[in-house]
Amino acid sequence: MIGIGTKIRRVLTDQGRSVRWLSEQIPCERTGAYKLLKRDSIDVLLLRRISLILHHDFFKDISEETFG
């Protein structure tokens, strides 16, 4: 199972966006965004916010990974 931080980083890369850009959108410090991308799990509300910002359904990804 891939950690959520890794999944977020992949979507950022696919969209050609930087960690700095994400930190400005959330908003949080750039170092906080880098730490977030190293985590295996994050708060549901934060994941919802990131999903909306990146226009990507991370909840669907997790569900498909879990339930097939």
N, C-alpha and C. Protein backbone atom coordinates (compact mmCIF):
# COMPACT_ATOMS: atom_id res chain seq x y z
N MET A 1 0.84 -1.18 0.00
CA MET A 1 0.00 0.00 0.00
C MET A 1 0.89 1.25 0.00
N ILE A 2 0.59 2.17 -0.88
CA ILE A 2 1.36 3.40 -1.02
C ILE A 2 0.80 4.46 -0.07
N GLY A 3 1.69 5.16 0.62
CA GLY A 3 1.26 6.22 1.53
C GLY A 3 0.59 7.36 0.78
N ILE A 4 -0.29 8.06 1.45
CA ILE A 4 -1.04 9.15 0.81
C ILE A 4 -0.13 10.29 0.37
N GLY A 5 0.93 10.53 1.12
CA GLY A 5 1.87 11.57 0.73
C GLY A 5 2.50 11.29 -0.63
N THR A 6 2.83 10.03 -0.86
CA THR A 6 3.39 9.61 -2.14
C THR A 6 2.37 9.79 -3.26
N LYS A 7 1.12 9.45 -2.98
CA LYS A 7 0.06 9.63 -3.97
C LYS A 7 -0.11 11.10 -4.34
N ILE A 8 -0.10 11.95 -3.34
CA ILE A 8 -0.24 13.40 -3.58
C ILE A 8 0.93 13.90 -4.40
N ARG A 9 2.14 13.48 -4.06
CA ARG A 9 3.34 13.90 -4.80
C ARG A 9 3.23 13.48 -6.27
N ARG A 10 2.74 12.28 -6.53
CA ARG A 10 2.61 11.80 -7.91
C ARG A 10 1.63 12.67 -8.70
N VAL A 11 0.52 13.03 -8.08
CA VAL A 11 -0.47 13.88 -8.76
C VAL A 11 0.14 15.26 -9.01
N LEU A 12 0.83 15.80 -8.03
CA LEU A 12 1.51 17.10 -8.22
C LEU A 12 2.45 17.04 -9.42
N THR A 13 3.26 15.99 -9.46
CA THR A 13 4.22 15.83 -10.56
C THR A 13 3.51 15.69 -11.90
N ASP A 14 2.47 14.86 -11.93
CA ASP A 14 1.70 14.67 -13.17
C ASP A 14 1.10 15.97 -13.67
N GLN A 15 0.70 16.85 -12.73
CA GLN A 15 0.10 18.12 -13.11
C GLN A 15 1.14 19.22 -13.33
N GLY A 16 2.40 18.90 -13.12
CA GLY A 16 3.47 19.88 -13.31
C GLY A 16 3.46 20.97 -12.25
N ARG A 17 3.00 20.63 -11.07
CA ARG A 17 2.93 21.61 -9.98
C ARG A 17 4.01 21.33 -8.95
N SER A 18 4.37 22.36 -8.22
CA SER A 18 5.44 22.24 -7.22
C SER A 18 4.87 22.11 -5.82
N VAL A 19 5.72 21.67 -4.92
CA VAL A 19 5.34 21.60 -3.51
C VAL A 19 5.08 23.01 -2.98
N ARG A 20 5.85 23.95 -3.45
CA ARG A 20 5.64 25.35 -3.05
C ARG A 20 4.23 25.81 -3.45
N TRP A 21 3.83 25.47 -4.66
CA TRP A 21 2.49 25.84 -5.13
C TRP A 21 1.43 25.25 -4.21
N LEU A 22 1.58 23.95 -3.87
CA LEU A 22 0.63 23.29 -2.99
C LEU A 22 0.59 23.98 -1.63
N SER A 23 1.75 24.33 -1.10
CA SER A 23 1.79 24.98 0.22
C SER A 23 1.07 26.32 0.20
N GLU A 24 1.12 27.01 -0.91
CA GLU A 24 0.41 28.29 -1.03
C GLU A 24 -1.10 28.08 -1.13
N GLN A 25 -1.52 26.97 -1.71
CA GLN A 25 -2.94 26.69 -1.89
C GLN A 25 -3.61 26.21 -0.61
N ILE A 26 -2.88 25.46 0.22
CA ILE A 26 -3.49 24.83 1.39
C ILE A 26 -4.02 25.84 2.40
N PRO A 27 -3.47 26.84 2.86
CA PRO A 27 -2.08 27.30 2.90
C PRO A 27 -1.34 26.72 4.12
N CYS A 28 -0.04 26.54 3.94
CA CYS A 28 0.84 26.13 5.03
C CYS A 28 2.26 26.51 4.65
N GLU A 29 3.16 26.37 5.60
CA GLU A 29 4.57 26.63 5.31
C GLU A 29 5.08 25.58 4.32
N ARG A 30 6.04 25.96 3.52
CA ARG A 30 6.60 25.04 2.53
C ARG A 30 7.17 23.79 3.21
N THR A 31 7.82 23.97 4.35
CA THR A 31 8.37 22.81 5.06
C THR A 31 7.26 21.87 5.52
N GLY A 32 6.11 22.43 5.89
CA GLY A 32 4.96 21.62 6.29
C GLY A 32 4.44 20.80 5.13
N ALA A 33 4.45 21.38 3.94
CA ALA A 33 3.99 20.65 2.75
C ALA A 33 4.94 19.50 2.43
N TYR A 34 6.25 19.73 2.57
CA TYR A 34 7.21 18.66 2.34
C TYR A 34 7.01 17.53 3.34
N LYS A 35 6.76 17.88 4.60
CA LYS A 35 6.51 16.86 5.63
C LYS A 35 5.23 16.09 5.31
N LEU A 36 4.22 16.77 4.82
CA LEU A 36 2.96 16.13 4.46
C LEU A 36 3.17 15.06 3.40
N LEU A 37 4.05 15.33 2.45
CA LEU A 37 4.30 14.40 1.35
C LEU A 37 5.09 13.17 1.78
N LYS A 38 5.59 13.18 3.01
CA LYS A 38 6.31 12.02 3.54
C LYS A 38 5.42 11.14 4.42
N ARG A 39 4.20 11.59 4.68
CA ARG A 39 3.32 10.89 5.60
C ARG A 39 2.58 9.74 4.93
N ASP A 40 2.26 8.74 5.75
CA ASP A 40 1.47 7.61 5.26
C ASP A 40 -0.02 7.88 5.38
N SER A 41 -0.40 8.79 6.29
CA SER A 41 -1.80 9.13 6.48
C SER A 41 -1.93 10.61 6.84
N ILE A 42 -3.10 11.17 6.55
CA ILE A 42 -3.37 12.56 6.91
C ILE A 42 -4.83 12.69 7.32
N ASP A 43 -5.13 13.81 7.93
CA ASP A 43 -6.49 14.13 8.36
C ASP A 43 -7.44 14.14 7.17
N VAL A 44 -8.64 13.63 7.37
CA VAL A 44 -9.64 13.54 6.30
C VAL A 44 -9.99 14.92 5.73
N LEU A 45 -10.14 15.91 6.59
CA LEU A 45 -10.49 17.25 6.09
C LEU A 45 -9.37 17.85 5.25
N LEU A 46 -8.13 17.60 5.65
CA LEU A 46 -7.00 18.08 4.86
C LEU A 46 -6.95 17.36 3.52
N LEU A 47 -7.20 16.06 3.54
CA LEU A 47 -7.21 15.31 2.28
C LEU A 47 -8.33 15.80 1.36
N ARG A 48 -9.47 16.13 1.93
CA ARG A 48 -10.57 16.69 1.14
C ARG A 48 -10.14 17.99 0.49
N ARG A 49 -9.49 18.85 1.27
CA ARG A 49 -9.03 20.14 0.74
C ARG A 49 -8.03 19.95 -0.40
N ILE A 50 -7.08 19.04 -0.20
CA ILE A 50 -6.08 18.78 -1.23
C ILE A 50 -6.75 18.18 -2.47
N SER A 51 -7.72 17.30 -2.28
CA SER A 51 -8.45 16.72 -3.41
C SER A 51 -9.13 17.81 -4.24
N LEU A 52 -9.73 18.77 -3.56
CA LEU A 52 -10.40 19.87 -4.27
C LEU A 52 -9.38 20.76 -4.99
N ILE A 53 -8.27 21.05 -4.32
CA ILE A 53 -7.24 21.90 -4.91
C ILE A 53 -6.66 21.26 -6.18
N LEU A 54 -6.38 19.97 -6.10
CA LEU A 54 -5.75 19.27 -7.23
C LEU A 54 -6.76 18.66 -8.21
N HIS A 55 -8.06 18.79 -7.88
CA HIS A 55 -9.10 18.20 -8.73
C HIS A 55 -8.84 16.72 -8.96
N HIS A 56 -8.52 16.04 -7.85
CA HIS A 56 -8.23 14.60 -7.90
C HIS A 56 -8.88 13.93 -6.70
N ASP A 57 -9.59 12.84 -6.93
CA ASP A 57 -10.31 12.14 -5.87
C ASP A 57 -9.41 11.10 -5.20
N PHE A 58 -8.68 11.52 -4.17
CA PHE A 58 -7.81 10.62 -3.44
C PHE A 58 -8.62 9.59 -2.65
N PHE A 59 -9.82 9.94 -2.26
CA PHE A 59 -10.69 9.00 -1.55
C PHE A 59 -11.04 7.81 -2.45
N LYS A 60 -11.28 8.08 -3.71
CA LYS A 60 -11.57 7.01 -4.67
C LYS A 60 -10.33 6.11 -4.82
N ASP A 61 -9.16 6.71 -4.91
CA ASP A 61 -7.93 5.94 -5.01
C ASP A 61 -7.77 4.99 -3.83
N ILE A 62 -8.00 5.51 -2.63
CA ILE A 62 -7.86 4.71 -1.43
C ILE A 62 -8.89 3.59 -1.41
N SER A 63 -10.13 3.93 -1.78
CA SER A 63 -11.19 2.93 -1.80
C SER A 63 -10.89 1.81 -2.79
N GLU A 64 -10.44 2.16 -3.98
CA GLU A 64 -10.13 1.16 -4.98
C GLU A 64 -8.96 0.29 -4.54
N GLU A 65 -7.98 0.89 -3.89
CA GLU A 65 -6.83 0.14 -3.40
C GLU A 65 -7.25 -0.83 -2.29
N THR A 66 -8.20 -0.41 -1.49
CA THR A 66 -8.65 -1.23 -0.36
C THR A 66 -9.63 -2.32 -0.76
N PHE A 67 -10.60 -1.95 -1.59
CA PHE A 67 -11.69 -2.88 -1.92
C PHE A 67 -11.62 -3.46 -3.32
N GLY A 68 -10.67 -2.98 -4.10
CA GLY A 68 -10.52 -3.52 -5.45
C GLY A 68 -11.50 -2.99 -6.36
